[in-house]
Amino acid sequence: MTEPASVFPPCAVGILEDGRLSDQEDIPKRFVIYRGTRMTEGWPGQMIEAQTFTHYNIGGKDFERVSYGSESDDWGANERPCHDCRVIKGEYHVVGCDVERCPKCDGQAISCDCLDEEDDGSTTYVEG
């Protein structure tokens, strides 16, 4: 079983050659257009990879992830991509997206305690 790669765009903060701490304006960004939407280079790969993780294993039981547009709240999936991770209706959110819901309790997945219910305290991503 493979853990997903980093789920966030590359960090644009670091140390410059002169020793100063950079901010996002100091580092050139690279963007791509994917599905007609401008996003950080590399992000489309994260979106594609997210589709391979179809379930969370919570407390030894597999729960299918909640796809965008299937949430109990209306996030506008019929009109636009997810505002956080940019997936489209019917796709799984990129792991770490603030819109993704926990499939067990319907809470926000990134802050839900359910995803820590493994016997060893880890979260298991189950590939589909």
N, C-alpha and C. Protein backbone atom coordinates (compact mmCIF):
# COMPACT_ATOMS: atom_id res chain seq x y z
N MET A 1 0.85 -1.17 0.00
CA MET A 1 0.00 0.00 0.00
C MET A 1 0.90 1.24 0.00
N THR A 2 0.58 2.16 -0.83
CA THR A 2 1.38 3.37 -0.99
C THR A 2 0.71 4.53 -0.30
N GLU A 3 1.46 5.29 0.46
CA GLU A 3 0.95 6.52 1.06
C GLU A 3 0.96 7.60 -0.02
N PRO A 4 -0.01 8.51 -0.02
CA PRO A 4 -0.01 9.56 -1.04
C PRO A 4 1.22 10.46 -0.88
N ALA A 5 1.68 10.96 -2.00
CA ALA A 5 2.78 11.92 -1.96
C ALA A 5 2.29 13.18 -1.27
N SER A 6 3.18 14.12 -1.08
CA SER A 6 2.78 15.38 -0.47
C SER A 6 1.49 15.87 -1.08
N VAL A 7 0.56 16.32 -0.24
CA VAL A 7 -0.75 16.71 -0.74
C VAL A 7 -0.91 18.22 -0.88
N PHE A 8 0.13 18.94 -0.68
CA PHE A 8 0.04 20.39 -0.78
C PHE A 8 1.00 20.88 -1.84
N PRO A 9 0.69 21.99 -2.49
CA PRO A 9 1.61 22.53 -3.48
C PRO A 9 2.96 22.84 -2.84
N PRO A 10 4.02 22.87 -3.62
CA PRO A 10 5.34 23.15 -3.05
C PRO A 10 5.34 24.46 -2.27
N CYS A 11 6.00 24.45 -1.15
CA CYS A 11 6.07 25.63 -0.29
C CYS A 11 6.89 26.71 -0.98
N ALA A 12 6.44 27.92 -0.88
CA ALA A 12 7.14 29.03 -1.53
C ALA A 12 7.83 29.92 -0.51
N VAL A 13 8.21 29.35 0.62
CA VAL A 13 8.92 30.10 1.65
C VAL A 13 10.24 29.40 1.89
N GLY A 14 11.30 30.15 2.02
CA GLY A 14 12.61 29.53 2.25
C GLY A 14 13.64 30.58 2.57
N ILE A 15 14.90 30.20 2.49
CA ILE A 15 16.01 31.11 2.80
C ILE A 15 16.67 31.49 1.48
N LEU A 16 16.81 32.78 1.27
CA LEU A 16 17.45 33.29 0.07
C LEU A 16 18.97 33.21 0.19
N GLU A 17 19.66 33.41 -0.94
CA GLU A 17 21.12 33.34 -0.95
C GLU A 17 21.77 34.30 0.02
N ASP A 18 21.15 35.47 0.25
CA ASP A 18 21.74 36.45 1.17
C ASP A 18 21.36 36.17 2.63
N GLY A 19 20.69 35.04 2.90
CA GLY A 19 20.36 34.66 4.26
C GLY A 19 19.02 35.15 4.76
N ARG A 20 18.36 36.04 3.99
CA ARG A 20 17.05 36.52 4.41
C ARG A 20 16.01 35.42 4.23
N LEU A 21 15.00 35.46 5.10
CA LEU A 21 13.86 34.57 4.95
C LEU A 21 13.00 35.10 3.82
N SER A 22 12.69 34.26 2.87
CA SER A 22 11.89 34.70 1.73
C SER A 22 10.42 34.67 2.08
N ASP A 23 9.67 35.36 1.28
CA ASP A 23 8.23 35.20 1.32
C ASP A 23 7.80 34.81 -0.09
N GLN A 24 6.53 34.65 -0.30
CA GLN A 24 6.08 34.13 -1.57
C GLN A 24 6.41 35.04 -2.75
N GLU A 25 6.57 36.34 -2.53
CA GLU A 25 6.90 37.23 -3.64
C GLU A 25 8.35 37.06 -4.10
N ASP A 26 9.23 36.52 -3.23
CA ASP A 26 10.64 36.38 -3.56
C ASP A 26 10.93 35.19 -4.46
N ILE A 27 10.03 34.26 -4.55
CA ILE A 27 10.28 33.03 -5.29
C ILE A 27 9.37 32.97 -6.50
N PRO A 28 9.95 32.81 -7.67
CA PRO A 28 9.10 32.72 -8.86
C PRO A 28 8.22 31.47 -8.79
N LYS A 29 6.99 31.61 -9.19
CA LYS A 29 6.06 30.50 -9.17
C LYS A 29 5.87 29.99 -10.58
N ARG A 30 5.59 28.72 -10.69
CA ARG A 30 5.26 28.14 -11.98
C ARG A 30 3.82 27.67 -11.92
N PHE A 31 3.09 28.01 -12.93
CA PHE A 31 1.69 27.63 -12.99
C PHE A 31 1.42 26.88 -14.29
N VAL A 32 0.37 26.09 -14.24
CA VAL A 32 -0.13 25.41 -15.43
C VAL A 32 -1.62 25.65 -15.52
N ILE A 33 -2.16 25.43 -16.68
CA ILE A 33 -3.61 25.47 -16.86
C ILE A 33 -4.05 24.01 -16.98
N TYR A 34 -4.93 23.59 -16.11
CA TYR A 34 -5.45 22.22 -16.11
C TYR A 34 -6.97 22.31 -16.03
N ARG A 35 -7.65 21.72 -16.99
CA ARG A 35 -9.11 21.81 -17.06
C ARG A 35 -9.59 23.25 -17.09
N GLY A 36 -8.81 24.13 -17.69
CA GLY A 36 -9.20 25.52 -17.80
C GLY A 36 -8.96 26.35 -16.56
N THR A 37 -8.29 25.77 -15.56
CA THR A 37 -8.05 26.46 -14.29
C THR A 37 -6.55 26.60 -14.05
N ARG A 38 -6.11 27.80 -13.69
CA ARG A 38 -4.70 28.05 -13.37
C ARG A 38 -4.40 27.49 -11.99
N MET A 39 -3.30 26.73 -11.88
CA MET A 39 -2.91 26.17 -10.60
C MET A 39 -1.40 25.94 -10.58
N THR A 40 -0.89 25.71 -9.39
CA THR A 40 0.53 25.47 -9.20
C THR A 40 0.98 24.25 -9.98
N GLU A 41 2.12 24.38 -10.65
CA GLU A 41 2.69 23.26 -11.38
C GLU A 41 2.83 22.06 -10.44
N GLY A 42 2.45 20.91 -10.89
CA GLY A 42 2.53 19.70 -10.06
C GLY A 42 1.21 19.35 -9.38
N TRP A 43 0.33 20.35 -9.24
CA TRP A 43 -0.93 20.09 -8.54
C TRP A 43 -1.83 19.12 -9.31
N PRO A 44 -1.91 19.20 -10.65
CA PRO A 44 -2.74 18.23 -11.36
C PRO A 44 -2.37 16.78 -11.03
N GLY A 45 -1.09 16.51 -10.84
CA GLY A 45 -0.65 15.17 -10.46
C GLY A 45 -1.20 14.76 -9.11
N GLN A 46 -1.29 15.71 -8.19
CA GLN A 46 -1.86 15.42 -6.87
C GLN A 46 -3.35 15.09 -7.00
N MET A 47 -4.03 15.81 -7.88
CA MET A 47 -5.45 15.56 -8.11
C MET A 47 -5.67 14.17 -8.71
N ILE A 48 -4.83 13.80 -9.66
CA ILE A 48 -4.94 12.49 -10.29
C ILE A 48 -4.62 11.39 -9.28
N GLU A 49 -3.57 11.57 -8.50
CA GLU A 49 -3.18 10.57 -7.50
C GLU A 49 -4.28 10.37 -6.46
N ALA A 50 -4.99 11.45 -6.10
CA ALA A 50 -6.04 11.36 -5.09
C ALA A 50 -7.13 10.37 -5.50
N GLN A 51 -7.31 10.18 -6.81
CA GLN A 51 -8.36 9.28 -7.28
C GLN A 51 -8.01 7.82 -7.05
N THR A 52 -6.75 7.51 -6.77
CA THR A 52 -6.34 6.13 -6.54
C THR A 52 -6.58 5.68 -5.10
N PHE A 53 -6.86 6.63 -4.21
CA PHE A 53 -7.12 6.32 -2.80
C PHE A 53 -8.62 6.42 -2.56
N THR A 54 -9.29 5.31 -2.65
CA THR A 54 -10.75 5.29 -2.66
C THR A 54 -11.38 5.12 -1.29
N HIS A 55 -10.62 4.64 -0.32
CA HIS A 55 -11.16 4.36 1.01
C HIS A 55 -10.17 4.79 2.09
N TYR A 56 -10.71 5.09 3.27
CA TYR A 56 -9.91 5.22 4.48
C TYR A 56 -10.19 3.98 5.32
N ASN A 57 -9.16 3.42 5.92
CA ASN A 57 -9.36 2.33 6.85
C ASN A 57 -9.40 2.94 8.24
N ILE A 58 -10.55 2.92 8.86
CA ILE A 58 -10.77 3.54 10.16
C ILE A 58 -11.13 2.45 11.15
N GLY A 59 -10.28 2.26 12.15
CA GLY A 59 -10.54 1.24 13.16
C GLY A 59 -10.67 -0.15 12.59
N GLY A 60 -9.94 -0.45 11.51
CA GLY A 60 -9.96 -1.77 10.90
C GLY A 60 -11.07 -1.98 9.88
N LYS A 61 -11.88 -0.97 9.63
CA LYS A 61 -12.97 -1.08 8.66
C LYS A 61 -12.76 -0.07 7.53
N ASP A 62 -12.97 -0.51 6.29
CA ASP A 62 -12.82 0.39 5.15
C ASP A 62 -14.08 1.23 4.95
N PHE A 63 -13.88 2.53 4.79
CA PHE A 63 -14.96 3.47 4.52
C PHE A 63 -14.62 4.16 3.20
N GLU A 64 -15.56 4.14 2.23
CA GLU A 64 -15.31 4.84 0.97
C GLU A 64 -15.23 6.33 1.23
N ARG A 65 -14.24 6.97 0.62
CA ARG A 65 -14.08 8.42 0.76
C ARG A 65 -15.28 9.14 0.17
N VAL A 66 -15.56 10.32 0.66
CA VAL A 66 -16.68 11.13 0.18
C VAL A 66 -16.19 11.96 -1.00
N SER A 67 -16.80 11.76 -2.14
CA SER A 67 -16.38 12.50 -3.34
C SER A 67 -16.98 13.91 -3.33
N TYR A 68 -16.33 14.79 -4.10
CA TYR A 68 -16.81 16.16 -4.21
C TYR A 68 -18.20 16.17 -4.83
N GLY A 69 -19.11 16.86 -4.18
CA GLY A 69 -20.49 16.91 -4.61
C GLY A 69 -21.38 15.94 -3.86
N SER A 70 -20.76 15.01 -3.10
CA SER A 70 -21.52 14.05 -2.29
C SER A 70 -21.56 14.45 -0.82
N GLU A 71 -20.96 15.57 -0.49
CA GLU A 71 -20.94 16.04 0.90
C GLU A 71 -22.35 16.42 1.33
N SER A 72 -22.59 16.42 2.63
CA SER A 72 -23.91 16.81 3.14
C SER A 72 -24.15 18.31 2.95
N ASP A 73 -23.09 19.11 2.89
CA ASP A 73 -23.20 20.55 2.62
C ASP A 73 -23.06 20.80 1.13
N ASP A 74 -23.66 21.86 0.64
CA ASP A 74 -23.55 22.22 -0.77
C ASP A 74 -22.33 23.11 -0.96
N TRP A 75 -21.30 22.58 -1.60
CA TRP A 75 -20.08 23.32 -1.87
C TRP A 75 -20.04 23.86 -3.29
N GLY A 76 -21.14 23.75 -4.01
CA GLY A 76 -21.20 24.31 -5.36
C GLY A 76 -20.62 23.42 -6.43
N ALA A 77 -20.62 22.12 -6.20
CA ALA A 77 -20.00 21.19 -7.15
C ALA A 77 -20.64 21.21 -8.52
N ASN A 78 -21.89 21.60 -8.61
CA ASN A 78 -22.54 21.68 -9.92
C ASN A 78 -22.08 22.89 -10.72
N GLU A 79 -21.51 23.87 -10.04
CA GLU A 79 -21.10 25.10 -10.72
C GLU A 79 -19.59 25.26 -10.91
N ARG A 80 -18.79 24.64 -10.05
CA ARG A 80 -17.35 24.93 -10.09
C ARG A 80 -16.54 23.81 -9.40
N PRO A 81 -15.24 23.80 -9.66
CA PRO A 81 -14.37 22.85 -8.95
C PRO A 81 -14.31 23.18 -7.46
N CYS A 82 -13.82 22.25 -6.69
CA CYS A 82 -13.63 22.47 -5.25
C CYS A 82 -12.75 23.71 -5.05
N HIS A 83 -13.16 24.59 -4.15
CA HIS A 83 -12.42 25.84 -3.95
C HIS A 83 -11.04 25.61 -3.34
N ASP A 84 -10.82 24.47 -2.72
CA ASP A 84 -9.54 24.22 -2.05
C ASP A 84 -8.59 23.37 -2.89
N CYS A 85 -9.07 22.22 -3.37
CA CYS A 85 -8.15 21.32 -4.08
C CYS A 85 -8.40 21.23 -5.58
N ARG A 86 -9.46 21.85 -6.08
CA ARG A 86 -9.77 22.01 -7.50
C ARG A 86 -10.28 20.74 -8.20
N VAL A 87 -10.60 19.66 -7.47
CA VAL A 87 -11.20 18.50 -8.13
C VAL A 87 -12.60 18.87 -8.60
N ILE A 88 -13.14 18.07 -9.52
CA ILE A 88 -14.47 18.33 -10.03
C ILE A 88 -15.47 17.32 -9.45
N LYS A 89 -16.74 17.63 -9.63
CA LYS A 89 -17.81 16.81 -9.07
C LYS A 89 -17.60 15.33 -9.40
N GLY A 90 -17.73 14.49 -8.37
CA GLY A 90 -17.57 13.05 -8.53
C GLY A 90 -16.18 12.54 -8.23
N GLU A 91 -15.20 13.43 -8.17
CA GLU A 91 -13.83 13.00 -7.86
C GLU A 91 -13.58 13.08 -6.36
N TYR A 92 -12.59 12.29 -5.91
CA TYR A 92 -12.16 12.37 -4.52
C TYR A 92 -11.28 13.60 -4.34
N HIS A 93 -11.44 14.25 -3.20
CA HIS A 93 -10.61 15.41 -2.87
C HIS A 93 -9.16 14.97 -2.71
N VAL A 94 -8.24 15.90 -2.92
CA VAL A 94 -6.84 15.67 -2.61
C VAL A 94 -6.77 15.53 -1.08
N VAL A 95 -6.07 14.51 -0.61
CA VAL A 95 -5.97 14.30 0.84
C VAL A 95 -5.39 15.56 1.48
N GLY A 96 -6.07 16.06 2.49
CA GLY A 96 -5.68 17.30 3.15
C GLY A 96 -6.56 18.47 2.76
N CYS A 97 -7.44 18.28 1.81
CA CYS A 97 -8.37 19.35 1.39
C CYS A 97 -9.30 19.68 2.55
N ASP A 98 -9.56 20.97 2.75
CA ASP A 98 -10.42 21.36 3.88
C ASP A 98 -11.90 21.10 3.63
N VAL A 99 -12.27 20.74 2.41
CA VAL A 99 -13.67 20.43 2.11
C VAL A 99 -13.98 18.95 2.34
N GLU A 100 -12.98 18.08 2.22
CA GLU A 100 -13.24 16.63 2.35
C GLU A 100 -13.86 16.29 3.70
N ARG A 101 -14.90 15.46 3.64
CA ARG A 101 -15.61 15.02 4.84
C ARG A 101 -15.14 13.64 5.25
N CYS A 102 -15.19 13.37 6.55
CA CYS A 102 -14.89 12.04 7.07
C CYS A 102 -16.05 11.12 6.67
N PRO A 103 -15.74 9.96 6.09
CA PRO A 103 -16.82 9.06 5.67
C PRO A 103 -17.52 8.36 6.84
N LYS A 104 -16.95 8.44 8.02
CA LYS A 104 -17.56 7.79 9.18
C LYS A 104 -18.49 8.73 9.94
N CYS A 105 -18.03 9.97 10.22
CA CYS A 105 -18.82 10.87 11.08
C CYS A 105 -19.33 12.11 10.37
N ASP A 106 -18.90 12.35 9.14
CA ASP A 106 -19.25 13.51 8.33
C ASP A 106 -18.60 14.80 8.82
N GLY A 107 -17.63 14.70 9.71
CA GLY A 107 -16.87 15.88 10.13
C GLY A 107 -15.82 16.22 9.08
N GLN A 108 -15.13 17.32 9.28
CA GLN A 108 -14.06 17.73 8.37
C GLN A 108 -12.92 16.72 8.48
N ALA A 109 -12.56 16.07 7.39
CA ALA A 109 -11.58 14.97 7.42
C ALA A 109 -10.23 15.41 7.99
N ILE A 110 -9.76 16.61 7.66
CA ILE A 110 -8.42 17.00 8.11
C ILE A 110 -8.35 17.25 9.62
N SER A 111 -9.50 17.40 10.27
CA SER A 111 -9.47 17.64 11.72
C SER A 111 -10.24 16.58 12.50
N CYS A 112 -10.61 15.50 11.83
CA CYS A 112 -11.46 14.48 12.44
C CYS A 112 -10.63 13.46 13.21
N ASP A 113 -11.08 13.12 14.40
CA ASP A 113 -10.40 12.11 15.21
C ASP A 113 -10.62 10.69 14.69
N CYS A 114 -11.66 10.48 13.89
CA CYS A 114 -11.93 9.14 13.36
C CYS A 114 -10.73 8.59 12.59
N LEU A 115 -10.04 9.47 11.86
CA LEU A 115 -8.94 9.01 11.03
C LEU A 115 -7.71 8.64 11.86
N ASP A 116 -7.80 8.75 13.18
CA ASP A 116 -6.73 8.31 14.07
C ASP A 116 -7.11 7.05 14.83
N GLU A 117 -8.15 6.34 14.38
CA GLU A 117 -8.67 5.20 15.13
C GLU A 117 -7.97 3.88 14.85
N GLU A 118 -6.95 3.86 14.02
CA GLU A 118 -6.20 2.63 13.80
C GLU A 118 -5.59 2.17 15.11
N ASP A 119 -5.42 0.88 15.27
CA ASP A 119 -4.83 0.34 16.49
C ASP A 119 -3.46 0.94 16.77
N ASP A 120 -2.71 1.20 15.70
CA ASP A 120 -1.36 1.76 15.89
C ASP A 120 -1.36 3.28 15.78
N GLY A 121 -2.54 3.90 15.67
CA GLY A 121 -2.64 5.36 15.61
C GLY A 121 -2.45 5.94 14.24
N SER A 122 -2.29 5.09 13.21
CA SER A 122 -2.05 5.62 11.87
C SER A 122 -3.32 5.61 11.04
N THR A 123 -3.30 6.35 9.98
CA THR A 123 -4.38 6.37 9.01
C THR A 123 -3.92 5.56 7.81
N THR A 124 -4.79 4.72 7.32
CA THR A 124 -4.45 3.91 6.16
C THR A 124 -5.28 4.39 4.98
N TYR A 125 -4.59 4.64 3.87
CA TYR A 125 -5.26 4.99 2.62
C TYR A 125 -5.33 3.70 1.82
N VAL A 126 -6.50 3.36 1.35
CA VAL A 126 -6.69 2.11 0.62
C VAL A 126 -6.82 2.44 -0.86
N GLU A 127 -5.92 1.85 -1.66
CA GLU A 127 -5.97 2.10 -3.09
C GLU A 127 -7.10 1.32 -3.72
N GLY A 128 -7.77 1.97 -4.69
CA GLY A 128 -8.88 1.33 -5.39
C GLY A 128 -8.41 0.61 -6.61
